[in-house]
Amino acid sequence: MALEHAILVSLSERSGSGYELARRFEKSIGLFWSASHQQIYRVLKRMEEAGQVAVDVVAQDGRPDKKVYTVSEPGRVELRRWLAEPSPSAGPQELAVKLRGASFGDPEAVAAEITRHRDAHAERLELYRQIEKRDFPAPDRLRGRPLHQYLVLRGGIRVEEGQVEWLEEILTALQADEKESH
């Protein structure tokens, strides 16, 4: 995922200046996608040049003019394209940004992507559990290198359990939301 997509989601929620956007990132999207003020300004300039954002210059007394960014039609098209596009190696950060932006595109496509990732994590979790059962039948007796190997495997199991649980929570909430909407 590119920073552009996170910015498109944030600006779709609410227009703002580069400074306001950077502040919003620190409090919301920045919890799972970090970007410096300099990165945000650099990307906003590139997005403006590409026509993905429109800029309204607002005069301010005693201060430099403020540029307020809004998502343009080409930006909305790009956001919808990205939201619908499968992301084979998406991590939790990209899925979180896609989820946050789902209402600006095709929520069903985002749900399908989340389902695909849940299934992949569940498959990996099952593989890790099989390895655990096969290679570490008595973990309480492990010492040294085998213990260290086991602990790494347990870390992988815990990560996959957390991913499956989170993605299940999302899918359950999306299904409930869909039922409420109809």
N, C-alpha and C. Protein backbone atom coordinates (compact mmCIF):
# COMPACT_ATOMS: atom_id res chain seq x y z
N MET A 1 0.85 -1.17 0.00
CA MET A 1 0.00 0.00 0.00
C MET A 1 0.89 1.23 0.00
N ALA A 2 0.46 2.21 -0.73
CA ALA A 2 1.18 3.48 -0.77
C ALA A 2 0.55 4.45 0.22
N LEU A 3 1.35 5.38 0.67
CA LEU A 3 0.86 6.43 1.57
C LEU A 3 -0.29 7.18 0.91
N GLU A 4 -0.27 7.27 -0.42
CA GLU A 4 -1.35 7.95 -1.14
C GLU A 4 -2.71 7.39 -0.76
N HIS A 5 -2.81 6.07 -0.60
CA HIS A 5 -4.11 5.46 -0.30
C HIS A 5 -4.57 5.83 1.11
N ALA A 6 -3.66 5.85 2.05
CA ALA A 6 -4.03 6.26 3.41
C ALA A 6 -4.46 7.72 3.42
N ILE A 7 -3.79 8.56 2.63
CA ILE A 7 -4.17 9.97 2.54
C ILE A 7 -5.53 10.12 1.87
N LEU A 8 -5.77 9.35 0.81
CA LEU A 8 -7.08 9.41 0.14
C LEU A 8 -8.20 9.02 1.10
N VAL A 9 -7.98 8.01 1.92
CA VAL A 9 -8.99 7.62 2.91
C VAL A 9 -9.22 8.76 3.89
N SER A 10 -8.15 9.31 4.43
CA SER A 10 -8.28 10.38 5.42
C SER A 10 -8.96 11.61 4.84
N LEU A 11 -8.56 12.01 3.63
CA LEU A 11 -9.17 13.19 3.02
C LEU A 11 -10.60 12.92 2.56
N SER A 12 -10.94 11.67 2.28
CA SER A 12 -12.33 11.33 1.96
C SER A 12 -13.21 11.50 3.19
N GLU A 13 -12.64 11.22 4.35
CA GLU A 13 -13.39 11.42 5.59
C GLU A 13 -13.60 12.90 5.88
N ARG A 14 -12.54 13.70 5.62
CA ARG A 14 -12.62 15.14 5.89
C ARG A 14 -11.47 15.85 5.19
N SER A 15 -11.80 16.88 4.43
CA SER A 15 -10.78 17.70 3.78
C SER A 15 -9.92 18.37 4.85
N GLY A 16 -8.73 18.79 4.46
CA GLY A 16 -7.89 19.48 5.42
C GLY A 16 -6.57 19.92 4.82
N SER A 17 -5.85 20.72 5.58
CA SER A 17 -4.52 21.17 5.18
C SER A 17 -3.53 20.04 5.45
N GLY A 18 -2.32 20.20 4.93
CA GLY A 18 -1.29 19.21 5.20
C GLY A 18 -1.02 19.07 6.68
N TYR A 19 -1.01 20.21 7.38
CA TYR A 19 -0.79 20.19 8.83
C TYR A 19 -1.91 19.43 9.53
N GLU A 20 -3.16 19.73 9.16
CA GLU A 20 -4.31 19.05 9.78
C GLU A 20 -4.27 17.55 9.49
N LEU A 21 -3.90 17.22 8.26
CA LEU A 21 -3.80 15.82 7.88
C LEU A 21 -2.73 15.10 8.71
N ALA A 22 -1.59 15.74 8.87
CA ALA A 22 -0.52 15.14 9.68
C ALA A 22 -0.98 14.95 11.12
N ARG A 23 -1.70 15.92 11.66
CA ARG A 23 -2.23 15.80 13.03
C ARG A 23 -3.24 14.65 13.13
N ARG A 24 -4.10 14.53 12.11
CA ARG A 24 -5.08 13.44 12.08
C ARG A 24 -4.38 12.09 12.02
N PHE A 25 -3.31 12.02 11.23
CA PHE A 25 -2.56 10.78 11.13
C PHE A 25 -2.04 10.35 12.49
N GLU A 26 -1.55 11.32 13.25
CA GLU A 26 -1.01 11.01 14.57
C GLU A 26 -2.06 10.43 15.49
N LYS A 27 -3.32 10.81 15.31
CA LYS A 27 -4.39 10.41 16.22
C LYS A 27 -5.25 9.26 15.71
N SER A 28 -5.16 8.92 14.43
CA SER A 28 -6.05 7.88 13.92
C SER A 28 -5.32 6.90 13.01
N ILE A 29 -5.23 7.23 11.73
CA ILE A 29 -4.58 6.31 10.79
C ILE A 29 -3.14 6.06 11.22
N GLY A 30 -2.52 7.03 11.84
CA GLY A 30 -1.15 6.89 12.30
C GLY A 30 -0.98 5.81 13.36
N LEU A 31 -2.06 5.36 13.96
CA LEU A 31 -1.96 4.28 14.93
C LEU A 31 -1.53 2.98 14.25
N PHE A 32 -1.81 2.87 12.94
CA PHE A 32 -1.41 1.67 12.23
C PHE A 32 -0.67 1.97 10.94
N TRP A 33 -0.46 3.24 10.63
CA TRP A 33 0.32 3.64 9.44
C TRP A 33 1.04 4.92 9.80
N SER A 34 2.34 4.87 9.94
CA SER A 34 3.07 6.07 10.35
C SER A 34 3.64 6.79 9.14
N ALA A 35 3.60 8.10 9.20
CA ALA A 35 4.18 8.95 8.16
C ALA A 35 4.59 10.27 8.80
N SER A 36 5.76 10.74 8.42
CA SER A 36 6.22 12.02 8.95
C SER A 36 5.50 13.16 8.23
N HIS A 37 5.56 14.34 8.83
CA HIS A 37 4.97 15.52 8.19
C HIS A 37 5.58 15.72 6.81
N GLN A 38 6.90 15.55 6.70
CA GLN A 38 7.59 15.75 5.43
C GLN A 38 7.09 14.76 4.37
N GLN A 39 6.91 13.49 4.77
CA GLN A 39 6.39 12.49 3.83
C GLN A 39 5.00 12.88 3.34
N ILE A 40 4.15 13.31 4.26
CA ILE A 40 2.78 13.68 3.90
C ILE A 40 2.78 14.84 2.92
N TYR A 41 3.56 15.89 3.20
CA TYR A 41 3.62 17.04 2.30
C TYR A 41 4.16 16.66 0.92
N ARG A 42 5.18 15.81 0.90
CA ARG A 42 5.77 15.37 -0.37
C ARG A 42 4.73 14.59 -1.19
N VAL A 43 4.01 13.70 -0.53
CA VAL A 43 3.00 12.88 -1.23
C VAL A 43 1.82 13.75 -1.67
N LEU A 44 1.40 14.70 -0.83
CA LEU A 44 0.31 15.60 -1.23
C LEU A 44 0.68 16.37 -2.51
N LYS A 45 1.92 16.82 -2.59
CA LYS A 45 2.37 17.54 -3.79
C LYS A 45 2.28 16.63 -5.01
N ARG A 46 2.76 15.40 -4.86
CA ARG A 46 2.71 14.43 -5.95
C ARG A 46 1.25 14.13 -6.34
N MET A 47 0.38 14.00 -5.36
CA MET A 47 -1.03 13.72 -5.62
C MET A 47 -1.71 14.90 -6.31
N GLU A 48 -1.32 16.11 -5.91
CA GLU A 48 -1.85 17.31 -6.56
C GLU A 48 -1.43 17.33 -8.03
N GLU A 49 -0.16 17.03 -8.29
CA GLU A 49 0.34 17.01 -9.66
C GLU A 49 -0.35 15.94 -10.50
N ALA A 50 -0.73 14.82 -9.85
CA ALA A 50 -1.41 13.72 -10.54
C ALA A 50 -2.92 13.97 -10.67
N GLY A 51 -3.40 15.04 -10.05
CA GLY A 51 -4.82 15.36 -10.13
C GLY A 51 -5.70 14.57 -9.18
N GLN A 52 -5.10 13.87 -8.21
CA GLN A 52 -5.89 13.08 -7.26
C GLN A 52 -6.49 13.91 -6.14
N VAL A 53 -5.90 15.07 -5.89
CA VAL A 53 -6.45 15.99 -4.89
C VAL A 53 -6.55 17.38 -5.49
N ALA A 54 -7.55 18.10 -5.04
CA ALA A 54 -7.71 19.51 -5.43
C ALA A 54 -7.27 20.35 -4.24
N VAL A 55 -6.78 21.54 -4.54
CA VAL A 55 -6.27 22.42 -3.49
C VAL A 55 -7.02 23.74 -3.53
N ASP A 56 -7.49 24.14 -2.36
CA ASP A 56 -8.13 25.44 -2.21
C ASP A 56 -7.20 26.27 -1.31
N VAL A 57 -6.70 27.38 -1.82
CA VAL A 57 -5.80 28.22 -1.04
C VAL A 57 -6.64 29.21 -0.24
N VAL A 58 -6.44 29.18 1.08
CA VAL A 58 -7.20 30.03 1.99
C VAL A 58 -6.25 31.06 2.60
N ALA A 59 -6.56 32.33 2.39
CA ALA A 59 -5.73 33.41 2.95
C ALA A 59 -5.93 33.46 4.46
N GLN A 60 -4.84 33.73 5.18
CA GLN A 60 -4.89 33.84 6.64
C GLN A 60 -4.21 35.14 7.05
N ASP A 61 -4.77 35.84 8.02
CA ASP A 61 -4.17 37.08 8.51
C ASP A 61 -2.89 36.80 9.29
N GLY A 62 -1.82 37.45 8.87
CA GLY A 62 -0.56 37.36 9.60
C GLY A 62 0.15 36.02 9.48
N ARG A 63 -0.37 35.13 8.65
CA ARG A 63 0.26 33.82 8.48
C ARG A 63 0.25 33.46 7.01
N PRO A 64 1.10 32.51 6.63
CA PRO A 64 1.08 32.10 5.22
C PRO A 64 -0.28 31.51 4.84
N ASP A 65 -0.60 31.60 3.55
CA ASP A 65 -1.85 31.01 3.07
C ASP A 65 -1.87 29.53 3.39
N LYS A 66 -3.06 29.04 3.64
CA LYS A 66 -3.25 27.62 3.97
C LYS A 66 -3.80 26.90 2.75
N LYS A 67 -3.24 25.75 2.43
CA LYS A 67 -3.75 24.91 1.35
C LYS A 67 -4.66 23.84 1.96
N VAL A 68 -5.92 23.84 1.52
CA VAL A 68 -6.87 22.83 2.00
C VAL A 68 -7.07 21.82 0.87
N TYR A 69 -6.82 20.57 1.17
CA TYR A 69 -6.88 19.50 0.18
C TYR A 69 -8.21 18.76 0.26
N THR A 70 -8.76 18.45 -0.91
CA THR A 70 -9.94 17.59 -1.02
C THR A 70 -9.65 16.54 -2.09
N VAL A 71 -10.34 15.42 -2.00
CA VAL A 71 -10.16 14.36 -2.97
C VAL A 71 -10.91 14.73 -4.24
N SER A 72 -10.23 14.67 -5.38
CA SER A 72 -10.85 14.96 -6.67
C SER A 72 -11.46 13.67 -7.24
N GLU A 73 -12.15 13.79 -8.35
CA GLU A 73 -12.74 12.60 -8.98
C GLU A 73 -11.67 11.56 -9.34
N PRO A 74 -10.53 11.94 -9.95
CA PRO A 74 -9.50 10.92 -10.20
C PRO A 74 -9.00 10.27 -8.90
N GLY A 75 -8.96 11.02 -7.81
CA GLY A 75 -8.57 10.45 -6.52
C GLY A 75 -9.60 9.45 -6.02
N ARG A 76 -10.89 9.78 -6.20
CA ARG A 76 -11.95 8.84 -5.79
C ARG A 76 -11.90 7.57 -6.62
N VAL A 77 -11.62 7.72 -7.92
CA VAL A 77 -11.49 6.55 -8.81
C VAL A 77 -10.33 5.67 -8.34
N GLU A 78 -9.19 6.29 -8.04
CA GLU A 78 -8.03 5.53 -7.57
C GLU A 78 -8.33 4.84 -6.25
N LEU A 79 -9.00 5.51 -5.34
CA LEU A 79 -9.33 4.91 -4.05
C LEU A 79 -10.24 3.70 -4.25
N ARG A 80 -11.27 3.84 -5.06
CA ARG A 80 -12.18 2.71 -5.33
C ARG A 80 -11.43 1.55 -5.98
N ARG A 81 -10.52 1.87 -6.91
CA ARG A 81 -9.73 0.82 -7.56
C ARG A 81 -8.90 0.06 -6.53
N TRP A 82 -8.21 0.80 -5.68
CA TRP A 82 -7.34 0.18 -4.68
C TRP A 82 -8.14 -0.63 -3.67
N LEU A 83 -9.29 -0.09 -3.24
CA LEU A 83 -10.11 -0.81 -2.27
C LEU A 83 -10.60 -2.15 -2.83
N ALA A 84 -10.89 -2.21 -4.11
CA ALA A 84 -11.41 -3.43 -4.74
C ALA A 84 -10.31 -4.41 -5.12
N GLU A 85 -9.07 -3.93 -5.18
CA GLU A 85 -7.95 -4.75 -5.64
C GLU A 85 -7.49 -5.71 -4.55
N PRO A 86 -7.39 -7.00 -4.87
CA PRO A 86 -6.83 -7.94 -3.88
C PRO A 86 -5.38 -7.58 -3.56
N SER A 87 -5.02 -7.73 -2.33
CA SER A 87 -3.66 -7.45 -1.87
C SER A 87 -3.08 -8.73 -1.30
N PRO A 88 -2.38 -9.51 -2.11
CA PRO A 88 -1.90 -10.82 -1.67
C PRO A 88 -1.07 -10.80 -0.40
N SER A 89 -0.26 -9.78 -0.23
CA SER A 89 0.63 -9.77 0.93
C SER A 89 0.27 -8.66 1.91
N ALA A 90 -0.98 -8.26 1.93
CA ALA A 90 -1.39 -7.16 2.82
C ALA A 90 -1.19 -7.55 4.28
N GLY A 91 -0.59 -6.64 5.01
CA GLY A 91 -0.46 -6.84 6.45
C GLY A 91 -1.61 -6.17 7.16
N PRO A 92 -1.63 -6.23 8.47
CA PRO A 92 -2.73 -5.64 9.23
C PRO A 92 -2.89 -4.15 8.98
N GLN A 93 -1.78 -3.44 8.69
CA GLN A 93 -1.89 -2.00 8.45
C GLN A 93 -2.69 -1.72 7.19
N GLU A 94 -2.38 -2.43 6.12
CA GLU A 94 -3.09 -2.21 4.86
C GLU A 94 -4.56 -2.61 4.99
N LEU A 95 -4.81 -3.72 5.65
CA LEU A 95 -6.21 -4.14 5.84
C LEU A 95 -6.97 -3.12 6.68
N ALA A 96 -6.30 -2.55 7.67
CA ALA A 96 -6.95 -1.55 8.52
C ALA A 96 -7.31 -0.30 7.71
N VAL A 97 -6.41 0.13 6.82
CA VAL A 97 -6.70 1.30 5.98
C VAL A 97 -7.82 0.96 5.00
N LYS A 98 -7.79 -0.24 4.42
CA LYS A 98 -8.87 -0.64 3.51
C LYS A 98 -10.21 -0.68 4.26
N LEU A 99 -10.20 -1.22 5.44
CA LEU A 99 -11.43 -1.27 6.23
C LEU A 99 -11.93 0.14 6.54
N ARG A 100 -11.02 1.00 6.92
CA ARG A 100 -11.38 2.38 7.23
C ARG A 100 -11.99 3.07 6.01
N GLY A 101 -11.52 2.73 4.82
CA GLY A 101 -12.01 3.36 3.60
C GLY A 101 -13.12 2.60 2.90
N ALA A 102 -13.58 1.49 3.45
CA ALA A 102 -14.54 0.62 2.76
C ALA A 102 -15.78 1.36 2.27
N SER A 103 -16.28 2.30 3.04
CA SER A 103 -17.51 3.01 2.65
C SER A 103 -17.30 3.94 1.47
N PHE A 104 -16.05 4.18 1.08
CA PHE A 104 -15.77 5.03 -0.09
C PHE A 104 -15.59 4.20 -1.36
N GLY A 105 -15.74 2.90 -1.23
CA GLY A 105 -15.60 2.01 -2.38
C GLY A 105 -16.65 0.94 -2.33
N ASP A 106 -16.21 -0.30 -2.46
CA ASP A 106 -17.10 -1.45 -2.46
C ASP A 106 -16.88 -2.23 -1.16
N PRO A 107 -17.75 -2.03 -0.16
CA PRO A 107 -17.56 -2.73 1.12
C PRO A 107 -17.54 -4.25 0.97
N GLU A 108 -18.28 -4.78 -0.01
CA GLU A 108 -18.29 -6.23 -0.22
C GLU A 108 -16.93 -6.72 -0.71
N ALA A 109 -16.26 -5.94 -1.55
CA ALA A 109 -14.92 -6.31 -2.02
C ALA A 109 -13.93 -6.29 -0.85
N VAL A 110 -14.07 -5.32 0.03
CA VAL A 110 -13.19 -5.25 1.20
C VAL A 110 -13.46 -6.44 2.12
N ALA A 111 -14.73 -6.79 2.30
CA ALA A 111 -15.08 -7.96 3.13
C ALA A 111 -14.51 -9.24 2.52
N ALA A 112 -14.57 -9.34 1.20
CA ALA A 112 -14.01 -10.52 0.53
C ALA A 112 -12.50 -10.60 0.75
N GLU A 113 -11.84 -9.45 0.70
CA GLU A 113 -10.39 -9.40 0.94
C GLU A 113 -10.09 -9.82 2.39
N ILE A 114 -10.88 -9.36 3.32
CA ILE A 114 -10.68 -9.73 4.72
C ILE A 114 -10.91 -11.22 4.91
N THR A 115 -11.93 -11.77 4.25
CA THR A 115 -12.20 -13.20 4.32
C THR A 115 -11.02 -13.99 3.78
N ARG A 116 -10.47 -13.55 2.65
CA ARG A 116 -9.33 -14.22 2.05
C ARG A 116 -8.13 -14.23 3.00
N HIS A 117 -7.90 -13.10 3.64
CA HIS A 117 -6.77 -13.03 4.59
C HIS A 117 -7.04 -13.86 5.84
N ARG A 118 -8.28 -13.86 6.30
CA ARG A 118 -8.62 -14.70 7.47
C ARG A 118 -8.34 -16.17 7.14
N ASP A 119 -8.76 -16.59 5.95
CA ASP A 119 -8.54 -17.99 5.55
C ASP A 119 -7.06 -18.32 5.45
N ALA A 120 -6.26 -17.40 4.92
CA ALA A 120 -4.82 -17.63 4.79
C ALA A 120 -4.17 -17.72 6.18
N HIS A 121 -4.58 -16.85 7.09
CA HIS A 121 -4.02 -16.90 8.45
C HIS A 121 -4.46 -18.17 9.17
N ALA A 122 -5.70 -18.60 8.96
CA ALA A 122 -6.19 -19.83 9.59
C ALA A 122 -5.42 -21.04 9.06
N GLU A 123 -5.11 -21.03 7.78
CA GLU A 123 -4.33 -22.11 7.18
C GLU A 123 -2.92 -22.15 7.76
N ARG A 124 -2.30 -20.97 7.88
CA ARG A 124 -0.96 -20.90 8.46
C ARG A 124 -0.99 -21.33 9.94
N LEU A 125 -2.02 -20.93 10.65
CA LEU A 125 -2.16 -21.33 12.06
C LEU A 125 -2.25 -22.85 12.18
N GLU A 126 -3.04 -23.46 11.32
CA GLU A 126 -3.17 -24.91 11.34
C GLU A 126 -1.83 -25.60 11.07
N LEU A 127 -1.08 -25.07 10.11
CA LEU A 127 0.25 -25.61 9.81
C LEU A 127 1.16 -25.50 11.03
N TYR A 128 1.17 -24.35 11.68
CA TYR A 128 2.00 -24.16 12.86
C TYR A 128 1.61 -25.12 13.98
N ARG A 129 0.32 -25.34 14.15
CA ARG A 129 -0.14 -26.27 15.20
C ARG A 129 0.27 -27.70 14.88
N GLN A 130 0.25 -28.06 13.60
CA GLN A 130 0.71 -29.39 13.20
C GLN A 130 2.20 -29.55 13.49
N ILE A 131 2.98 -28.54 13.18
CA ILE A 131 4.42 -28.57 13.48
C ILE A 131 4.63 -28.69 14.98
N GLU A 132 3.88 -27.93 15.75
CA GLU A 132 4.00 -27.98 17.21
C GLU A 132 3.73 -29.40 17.72
N LYS A 133 2.66 -29.99 17.24
CA LYS A 133 2.27 -31.33 17.68
C LYS A 133 3.32 -32.37 17.27
N ARG A 134 3.82 -32.24 16.02
CA ARG A 134 4.78 -33.21 15.50
C ARG A 134 6.16 -33.06 16.14
N ASP A 135 6.66 -31.82 16.22
CA ASP A 135 8.05 -31.60 16.63
C ASP A 135 8.24 -31.32 18.11
N PHE A 136 7.19 -30.95 18.81
CA PHE A 136 7.34 -30.57 20.22
C PHE A 136 6.23 -31.20 21.08
N PRO A 137 6.18 -32.54 21.13
CA PRO A 137 5.09 -33.20 21.86
C PRO A 137 5.17 -33.00 23.38
N ALA A 138 6.34 -32.70 23.89
CA ALA A 138 6.50 -32.50 25.34
C ALA A 138 7.23 -31.18 25.59
N PRO A 139 6.59 -30.05 25.36
CA PRO A 139 7.29 -28.76 25.47
C PRO A 139 7.81 -28.45 26.87
N ASP A 140 7.20 -29.02 27.90
CA ASP A 140 7.65 -28.75 29.27
C ASP A 140 9.02 -29.38 29.56
N ARG A 141 9.49 -30.27 28.70
CA ARG A 141 10.80 -30.92 28.89
C ARG A 141 11.91 -30.30 28.03
N LEU A 142 11.58 -29.28 27.27
CA LEU A 142 12.55 -28.69 26.35
C LEU A 142 13.55 -27.81 27.09
N ARG A 143 14.79 -27.83 26.60
CA ARG A 143 15.86 -27.00 27.14
C ARG A 143 16.71 -26.52 25.97
N GLY A 144 17.38 -25.39 26.13
CA GLY A 144 18.35 -24.93 25.14
C GLY A 144 17.73 -24.63 23.78
N ARG A 145 18.45 -25.02 22.72
CA ARG A 145 18.03 -24.72 21.36
C ARG A 145 16.62 -25.20 21.04
N PRO A 146 16.25 -26.44 21.39
CA PRO A 146 14.87 -26.87 21.10
C PRO A 146 13.82 -25.99 21.79
N LEU A 147 14.10 -25.54 23.00
CA LEU A 147 13.18 -24.64 23.70
C LEU A 147 13.05 -23.33 22.94
N HIS A 148 14.18 -22.80 22.48
CA HIS A 148 14.16 -21.54 21.74
C HIS A 148 13.36 -21.68 20.45
N GLN A 149 13.56 -22.80 19.75
CA GLN A 149 12.81 -23.06 18.52
C GLN A 149 11.31 -23.15 18.81
N TYR A 150 10.98 -23.81 19.87
CA TYR A 150 9.57 -23.95 20.27
C TYR A 150 8.96 -22.59 20.59
N LEU A 151 9.71 -21.76 21.30
CA LEU A 151 9.19 -20.45 21.68
C LEU A 151 8.95 -19.57 20.46
N VAL A 152 9.83 -19.68 19.45
CA VAL A 152 9.61 -18.94 18.20
C VAL A 152 8.33 -19.43 17.53
N LEU A 153 8.16 -20.73 17.48
CA LEU A 153 6.94 -21.30 16.90
C LEU A 153 5.71 -20.83 17.67
N ARG A 154 5.79 -20.81 18.98
CA ARG A 154 4.66 -20.33 19.80
C ARG A 154 4.35 -18.88 19.48
N GLY A 155 5.39 -18.08 19.24
CA GLY A 155 5.16 -16.69 18.85
C GLY A 155 4.39 -16.62 17.55
N GLY A 156 4.76 -17.45 16.58
CA GLY A 156 4.03 -17.49 15.31
C GLY A 156 2.59 -17.93 15.50
N ILE A 157 2.37 -18.90 16.37
CA ILE A 157 1.01 -19.35 16.66
C ILE A 157 0.19 -18.22 17.27
N ARG A 158 0.77 -17.53 18.22
CA ARG A 158 0.05 -16.43 18.88
C ARG A 158 -0.30 -15.32 17.89
N VAL A 159 0.65 -14.98 17.00
CA VAL A 159 0.39 -13.95 15.99
C VAL A 159 -0.76 -14.38 15.09
N GLU A 160 -0.73 -15.62 14.61
CA GLU A 160 -1.78 -16.10 13.71
C GLU A 160 -3.12 -16.20 14.43
N GLU A 161 -3.12 -16.62 15.68
CA GLU A 161 -4.37 -16.65 16.46
C GLU A 161 -4.96 -15.25 16.55
N GLY A 162 -4.10 -14.27 16.84
CA GLY A 162 -4.56 -12.89 16.94
C GLY A 162 -5.11 -12.37 15.63
N GLN A 163 -4.44 -12.69 14.52
CA GLN A 163 -4.93 -12.25 13.21
C GLN A 163 -6.27 -12.88 12.88
N VAL A 164 -6.40 -14.19 13.09
CA VAL A 164 -7.66 -14.87 12.80
C VAL A 164 -8.78 -14.29 13.67
N GLU A 165 -8.50 -14.09 14.94
CA GLU A 165 -9.52 -13.55 15.85
C GLU A 165 -9.95 -12.15 15.42
N TRP A 166 -9.00 -11.29 15.08
CA TRP A 166 -9.32 -9.93 14.65
C TRP A 166 -10.13 -9.92 13.36
N LEU A 167 -9.69 -10.72 12.39
CA LEU A 167 -10.39 -10.76 11.11
C LEU A 167 -11.79 -11.34 11.26
N GLU A 168 -11.96 -12.33 12.14
CA GLU A 168 -13.30 -12.86 12.44
C GLU A 168 -14.18 -11.78 13.07
N GLU A 169 -13.61 -11.01 13.98
CA GLU A 169 -14.34 -9.92 14.61
C GLU A 169 -14.82 -8.91 13.57
N ILE A 170 -13.96 -8.58 12.64
CA ILE A 170 -14.32 -7.65 11.57
C ILE A 170 -15.45 -8.22 10.74
N LEU A 171 -15.32 -9.47 10.31
CA LEU A 171 -16.35 -10.08 9.45
C LEU A 171 -17.69 -10.17 10.17
N THR A 172 -17.68 -10.51 11.45
CA THR A 172 -18.92 -10.58 12.22
C THR A 172 -19.58 -9.21 12.29
N ALA A 173 -18.78 -8.18 12.55
CA ALA A 173 -19.32 -6.81 12.63
C ALA A 173 -19.84 -6.35 11.28
N LEU A 174 -19.13 -6.66 10.20
CA LEU A 174 -19.58 -6.26 8.87
C LEU A 174 -20.88 -6.96 8.48
N GLN A 175 -20.99 -8.24 8.86
CA GLN A 175 -22.23 -8.97 8.57
C GLN A 175 -23.40 -8.37 9.35
N ALA A 176 -23.18 -8.02 10.61
CA ALA A 176 -24.23 -7.41 11.42
C ALA A 176 -24.62 -6.05 10.84
N ASP A 177 -23.62 -5.29 10.40
CA ASP A 177 -23.88 -3.98 9.80
C ASP A 177 -24.70 -4.13 8.52
N GLU A 178 -24.35 -5.13 7.73
CA GLU A 178 -25.07 -5.38 6.46
C GLU A 178 -26.53 -5.71 6.76
N LYS A 179 -26.77 -6.53 7.76
CA LYS A 179 -28.16 -6.89 8.12
C LYS A 179 -28.94 -5.68 8.60
N GLU A 180 -28.29 -4.80 9.38
CA GLU A 180 -28.93 -3.60 9.88
C GLU A 180 -29.24 -2.61 8.77
N SER A 181 -28.39 -2.60 7.74
CA SER A 181 -28.56 -1.67 6.64
C SER A 181 -29.73 -2.03 5.73
N HIS A 182 -30.14 -3.27 5.76
CA HIS A 182 -31.23 -3.70 4.86
C HIS A 182 -32.54 -3.87 5.56
